[in-house]
Each structure stands twice: as structure tokens, then as C-alpha cells.
C-alpha atoms as a PDB file:
ATOM      1  CA  MET A   1      -6.873  -9.844   0.526  1.00  0.00           C
ATOM      2  CA  PHE A   2      -6.912 -10.549   4.245  1.00  0.00           C
ATOM      3  CA  LYS A   3      -6.960 -14.037   5.698  1.00  0.00           C
ATOM      4  CA  SER A   4      -8.371 -13.313   9.136  1.00  0.00           C
ATOM      5  CA  GLN A   5      -8.146 -10.524  11.646  1.00  0.00           C
ATOM      6  CA  GLU A   6      -5.733 -12.473  13.835  1.00  0.00           C
ATOM      7  CA  ASP A   7      -3.167 -12.999  11.064  1.00  0.00           C
ATOM      8  CA  GLN A   8      -0.203 -10.767  10.513  1.00  0.00           C
ATOM      9  CA  VAL A   9      -0.631  -8.083   7.884  1.00  0.00           C
ATOM     10  CA  ALA A  10       1.859  -8.692   5.060  1.00  0.00           C
ATOM     11  CA  VAL A  11       3.309  -5.427   3.751  1.00  0.00           C
ATOM     12  CA  LEU A  12       5.908  -5.026   1.019  1.00  0.00           C
ATOM     13  CA  GLY A  13       7.929  -1.823   1.133  1.00  0.00           C
ATOM     14  CA  ILE A  14       9.410  -0.796  -2.208  1.00  0.00           C
ATOM     15  CA  CYS A  15      12.274   1.666  -1.851  1.00  0.00           C
ATOM     16  CA  VAL A  16      10.994   2.967   1.493  1.00  0.00           C
ATOM     17  CA  ASP A  17      12.406   2.908   5.004  1.00  0.00           C
ATOM     18  CA  PRO A  18      11.024   0.254   7.357  1.00  0.00           C
ATOM     19  CA  PRO A  19       8.206   1.586   9.551  1.00  0.00           C
ATOM     20  CA  ALA A  20       8.968   2.605  13.119  1.00  0.00           C
ATOM     21  CA  LYS A  21       7.531   0.006  15.487  1.00  0.00           C
ATOM     22  CA  VAL A  22       4.607   1.548  17.317  1.00  0.00           C
ATOM     23  CA  GLY A  23       1.703  -0.244  18.961  1.00  0.00           C
ATOM     24  CA  LYS A  24       0.981  -3.845  17.964  1.00  0.00           C
ATOM     25  CA  SER A  25       3.956  -4.103  15.602  1.00  0.00           C
ATOM     26  CA  ALA A  26       4.050  -7.907  16.010  1.00  0.00           C
ATOM     27  CA  LEU A  27       0.924  -7.993  13.814  1.00  0.00           C
ATOM     28  CA  LEU A  28       2.893  -6.473  10.931  1.00  0.00           C
ATOM     29  CA  ASN A  29       5.020  -8.637   8.616  1.00  0.00           C
ATOM     30  CA  PHE A  30       7.072  -6.031   6.734  1.00  0.00           C
ATOM     31  CA  GLN A  31       9.376  -7.046   3.902  1.00  0.00           C
ATOM     32  CA  SER A  32      11.492  -4.619   1.925  1.00  0.00           C
ATOM     33  CA  VAL A  33      12.939  -4.520  -1.582  1.00  0.00           C
ATOM     34  CA  HIS A  34      15.075  -1.869  -3.223  1.00  0.00           C
ATOM     35  CA  SER A  35      13.996  -1.966  -6.854  1.00  0.00           C
ATOM     36  CA  GLY A  36      10.868  -2.100  -8.943  1.00  0.00           C
ATOM     37  CA  HIS A  37      11.962  -5.263 -10.741  1.00  0.00           C
ATOM     38  CA  ARG A  38      12.585  -7.069  -7.446  1.00  0.00           C
ATOM     39  CA  ALA A  39       9.144  -5.962  -6.231  1.00  0.00           C
ATOM     40  CA  ILE A  40       7.555  -7.437  -9.365  1.00  0.00           C
ATOM     41  CA  ASP A  41       9.411 -10.713  -8.718  1.00  0.00           C
ATOM     42  CA  MET A  42       8.184 -10.735  -5.101  1.00  0.00           C
ATOM     43  CA  LEU A  43       4.595 -10.043  -6.166  1.00  0.00           C
ATOM     44  CA  ARG A  44       4.748 -12.968  -8.579  1.00  0.00           C
ATOM     45  CA  MET A  45       5.834 -15.304  -5.767  1.00  0.00           C
ATOM     46  CA  LEU A  46       4.039 -13.999  -2.672  1.00  0.00           C
ATOM     47  CA  SER A  47       0.785 -12.351  -1.691  1.00  0.00           C
ATOM     48  CA  PHE A  48       0.816  -9.044   0.170  1.00  0.00           C
ATOM     49  CA  ASP A  49      -2.044  -7.297   1.907  1.00  0.00           C
ATOM     50  CA  PHE A  50      -0.584  -3.872   1.232  1.00  0.00           C
ATOM     51  CA  LEU A  51       2.308  -2.189  -0.578  1.00  0.00           C
ATOM     52  CA  LEU A  52       4.238   0.949   0.304  1.00  0.00           C
ATOM     53  CA  VAL A  53       5.712   2.348  -2.900  1.00  0.00           C
ATOM     54  CA  GLY A  54       8.461   4.959  -2.798  1.00  0.00           C
ATOM     55  CA  LEU A  55       8.648   7.668  -5.433  1.00  0.00           C
ATOM     56  CA  LYS A  56      12.287   7.010  -6.277  1.00  0.00           C
ATOM     57  CA  LEU A  57      12.977   3.550  -7.675  1.00  0.00           C
ATOM     58  CA  PRO A  58      16.564   3.040  -8.892  1.00  0.00           C
ATOM     59  CA  ASP A  59      15.727   0.843 -11.889  1.00  0.00           C
ATOM     60  CA  MET A  60      12.511   2.312 -13.311  1.00  0.00           C
ATOM     61  CA  ALA A  61      10.210   5.281 -13.002  1.00  0.00           C
ATOM     62  CA  ALA A  62       7.742   4.899 -10.145  1.00  0.00           C
ATOM     63  CA  TRP A  63       4.879   5.672 -12.544  1.00  0.00           C
ATOM     64  CA  ASP A  64       5.988   2.840 -14.866  1.00  0.00           C
ATOM     65  CA  PHE A  65       6.026   0.469 -11.904  1.00  0.00           C
ATOM     66  CA  LEU A  66       2.556   1.629 -10.836  1.00  0.00           C
ATOM     67  CA  ARG A  67       1.214   1.212 -14.366  1.00  0.00           C
ATOM     68  CA  HIS A  68       2.515  -2.371 -14.360  1.00  0.00           C
ATOM     69  CA  LEU A  69       1.074  -2.961 -10.870  1.00  0.00           C
ATOM     70  CA  LYS A  70      -2.378  -1.714 -11.947  1.00  0.00           C
ATOM     71  CA  THR A  71      -2.324  -3.995 -14.999  1.00  0.00           C
ATOM     72  CA  ALA A  72      -0.876  -7.157 -13.437  1.00  0.00           C
ATOM     73  CA  TRP A  73      -2.450  -6.907  -9.956  1.00  0.00           C
ATOM     74  CA  PRO A  74      -5.495  -4.613 -10.328  1.00  0.00           C
ATOM     75  CA  HIS A  75      -6.884  -5.366  -6.859  1.00  0.00           C
ATOM     76  CA  GLN A  76      -3.605  -4.883  -4.970  1.00  0.00           C
ATOM     77  CA  LYS A  77      -3.935  -2.181  -2.306  1.00  0.00           C
ATOM     78  CA  TRP A  78      -1.031   0.248  -2.029  1.00  0.00           C
ATOM     79  CA  ALA A  79       0.101   3.646  -0.792  1.00  0.00           C
ATOM     80  CA  LEU A  80       2.575   6.113  -2.235  1.00  0.00           C
ATOM     81  CA  VAL A  81       5.372   7.262   0.091  1.00  0.00           C
ATOM     82  CA  GLY A  82       7.513  10.311  -0.486  1.00  0.00           C
ATOM     83  CA  GLY A  83       6.431  13.852  -0.621  1.00  0.00           C
ATOM     84  CA  PRO A  84       5.682  16.475  -1.240  1.00  0.00           C
ATOM     85  CA  ILE A  85       4.045  15.678  -4.549  1.00  0.00           C
ATOM     86  CA  SER A  86       2.198  17.916  -6.965  1.00  0.00           C
ATOM     87  CA  GLU A  87      -1.569  17.912  -7.357  1.00  0.00           C
ATOM     88  CA  GLN A  88      -1.139  16.240 -10.757  1.00  0.00           C
ATOM     89  CA  GLN A  89       1.028  13.499  -9.220  1.00  0.00           C
ATOM     90  CA  GLU A  90      -1.636  12.936  -6.555  1.00  0.00           C
ATOM     91  CA  ILE A  91      -4.312  12.636  -9.244  1.00  0.00           C
ATOM     92  CA  THR A  92      -2.127  10.173 -11.151  1.00  0.00           C
ATOM     93  CA  ALA A  93      -1.461   8.123  -8.003  1.00  0.00           C
ATOM     94  CA  ARG A  94      -5.192   7.970  -7.255  1.00  0.00           C
ATOM     95  CA  MET A  95      -5.880   7.000 -10.876  1.00  0.00           C
ATOM     96  CA  PHE A  96      -3.441   4.083 -10.484  1.00  0.00           C
ATOM     97  CA  GLY A  97      -5.274   2.999  -7.322  1.00  0.00           C
ATOM     98  CA  ALA A  98      -3.431   4.573  -4.387  1.00  0.00           C
ATOM     99  CA  THR A  99      -5.469   4.242  -1.210  1.00  0.00           C
ATOM    100  CA  THR A 100      -3.250   6.604   0.786  1.00  0.00           C
ATOM    101  CA  LEU A 101      -0.450   9.098   0.222  1.00  0.00           C
ATOM    102  CA  PHE A 102       2.226   9.454   2.886  1.00  0.00           C
ATOM    103  CA  ASP A 103       4.877  12.178   2.997  1.00  0.00           C
ATOM    104  CA  THR A 104       7.135   9.857   5.021  1.00  0.00           C
ATOM    105  CA  THR A 105       7.115   6.162   5.858  1.00  0.00           C
ATOM    106  CA  PRO A 106       4.188   5.487   8.196  1.00  0.00           C
ATOM    107  CA  THR A 107       4.707   3.826  11.560  1.00  0.00           C
ATOM    108  CA  SER A 108       3.630   0.230  12.087  1.00  0.00           C
ATOM    109  CA  GLY A 109       0.609   1.529  13.997  1.00  0.00           C
ATOM    110  CA  GLU A 110      -0.429   3.763  11.114  1.00  0.00           C
ATOM    111  CA  LEU A 111      -0.038   0.855   8.681  1.00  0.00           C
ATOM    112  CA  LEU A 112      -2.175  -1.378  10.866  1.00  0.00           C
ATOM    113  CA  ASN A 113      -4.847   1.354  11.035  1.00  0.00           C
ATOM    114  CA  VAL A 114      -4.884   1.762   7.242  1.00  0.00           C
ATOM    115  CA  THR A 115      -5.078  -1.984   6.640  1.00  0.00           C
ATOM    116  CA  ALA A 116      -7.809  -2.331   9.287  1.00  0.00           C
ATOM    117  CA  ARG A 117      -9.897   0.262   7.414  1.00  0.00           C
ATOM    118  CA  LEU A 118      -9.277  -1.576   4.149  1.00  0.00           C
ATOM    119  CA  ARG A 119     -10.311  -4.848   5.794  1.00  0.00           C
ATOM    120  CA  GLU A 120     -13.523  -3.277   7.098  1.00  0.00           C
ATOM    121  CA  GLN A 121     -14.320  -1.896   3.639  1.00  0.00           C
ATOM    122  CA  ALA A 122     -13.648  -5.301   2.027  1.00  0.00           C
ATOM    123  CA  ILE A 123     -16.006  -6.989   4.501  1.00  0.00           C
ATOM    124  CA  ALA A 124     -18.685  -4.357   3.864  1.00  0.00           C
ATOM    125  CA  ASN A 125     -18.300  -4.859   0.092  1.00  0.00           C
ATOM    126  CA  VAL A 126     -18.729  -8.620   0.398  1.00  0.00           C
ATOM    127  CA  LEU A 127     -21.745  -8.260   2.676  1.00  0.00           C
ATOM    128  CA  SER A 128     -23.377  -5.806   0.270  1.00  0.00           C
ATOM    129  CA  GLY A 129     -22.680  -8.006  -2.767  1.00  0.00           C
ATOM    130  CA  LYS A 130     -19.804  -5.956  -4.242  1.00  0.00           C
ATOM    131  CA  PHE A 131     -17.365  -8.721  -5.135  1.00  0.00           C
ATOM    132  CA  ASP A 132     -15.481  -7.128  -8.012  1.00  0.00           C
ATOM    133  CA  GLY A 133     -13.134  -5.059  -5.849  1.00  0.00           C
ATOM    134  CA  GLY A 134     -13.840  -2.045  -8.040  1.00  0.00           C
ATOM    135  CA  ASP A 135     -14.879   0.093  -5.096  1.00  0.00           C
ATOM    136  CA  SER A 136     -11.729   1.088  -3.278  1.00  0.00           C
ATOM    137  CA  VAL A 137     -11.714   2.782   0.054  1.00  0.00           C
ATOM    138  CA  SER A 138     -10.037   6.152  -0.147  1.00  0.00           C
ATOM    139  CA  ILE A 139      -8.142   7.117   2.951  1.00  0.00           C
ATOM    140  CA  PRO A 140      -7.246  10.816   3.142  1.00  0.00           C
ATOM    141  CA  ARG A 141      -3.743  11.988   2.445  1.00  0.00           C
ATOM    142  CA  ALA A 142      -1.605  11.340   5.480  1.00  0.00           C
ATOM    143  CA  ARG A 143       1.037  13.768   6.556  1.00  0.00           C
ATOM    144  CA  SER A 144       4.323  12.924   8.199  1.00  0.00           C
ATOM    145  CA  ALA A 145       4.576  10.395  11.018  1.00  0.00           C
ATOM    146  CA  GLY A 146       2.739  11.225  14.201  1.00  0.00           C
ATOM    147  CA  MET A 147      -0.460  12.279  12.445  1.00  0.00           C
END
């Protein structure tokens, strides 16, 4: 997932606004696509540390995209962006592997904090012998920017 702590964090935004640059934004390599099919193409070609997935994809239902993501890239870490969502939608997002739910696009600082927590959890899993990636860190639902 993560190469080293000094590397940039590669984030793919799918139908979300780019994050506002706050804090150490130079450590964030944010790329954006505007369709689910283009995101799938990007995931086939490149590796991303984290995905931000918007609820409204122009070419497919977000839940269909997430189902495909869970099947094709089961260990990919991602967050759902766009709220408010119902309790059932939150349960579905968590079932598909969402680590975080954001009402609005997080800032670069918030993204770096989330990915740092994921990195720490990955290191702890390796050190404790949990190599399958099945244990995902769950980061509480985040509200709008400026949490």
C-alpha cells in the first residue's frame, strides 16, 4: 500500500472536487477522473494509496462501481464523499470497505491524516502477523471540511 513515509501519498479522486491545500500538501499526489469507467482504467494502470469516491458518477451507479472495486481490488483503501447519506447507505459503504465517509471533499491535510492512520494500522498488522489485509482500520465518519 505505502512505499515509505517520505513518499507522496497517491490519491485518486473519482467525481469529487480536488482537496483544498492545507498543511503539507506537497506530500499529496492527487489525480482526478470524472467517470467510473475511467477510474477503473486508471486503477488497472496505476497504484493508488487511497481513493475518494463521489456518490454521483455520470456513467454508472456508485454502488456498481464500488462492487467492482471490492471484487477487482479487495485491499484498496477508499472513502465515500458526498452526503448526507442514509444509515443503510452507510452500512452498504462500510460493507464494500469504506474506511471513511466524508460529507464534502476533505482537505489535503485531512487526507494525509487519514492515510497516516491507515499506514500505522498496516504497519501494526504486519508486525502482529496479520498479512491478509482483512482487518481494515475504521475511521469515524467525518463531517464537512474543518473538522
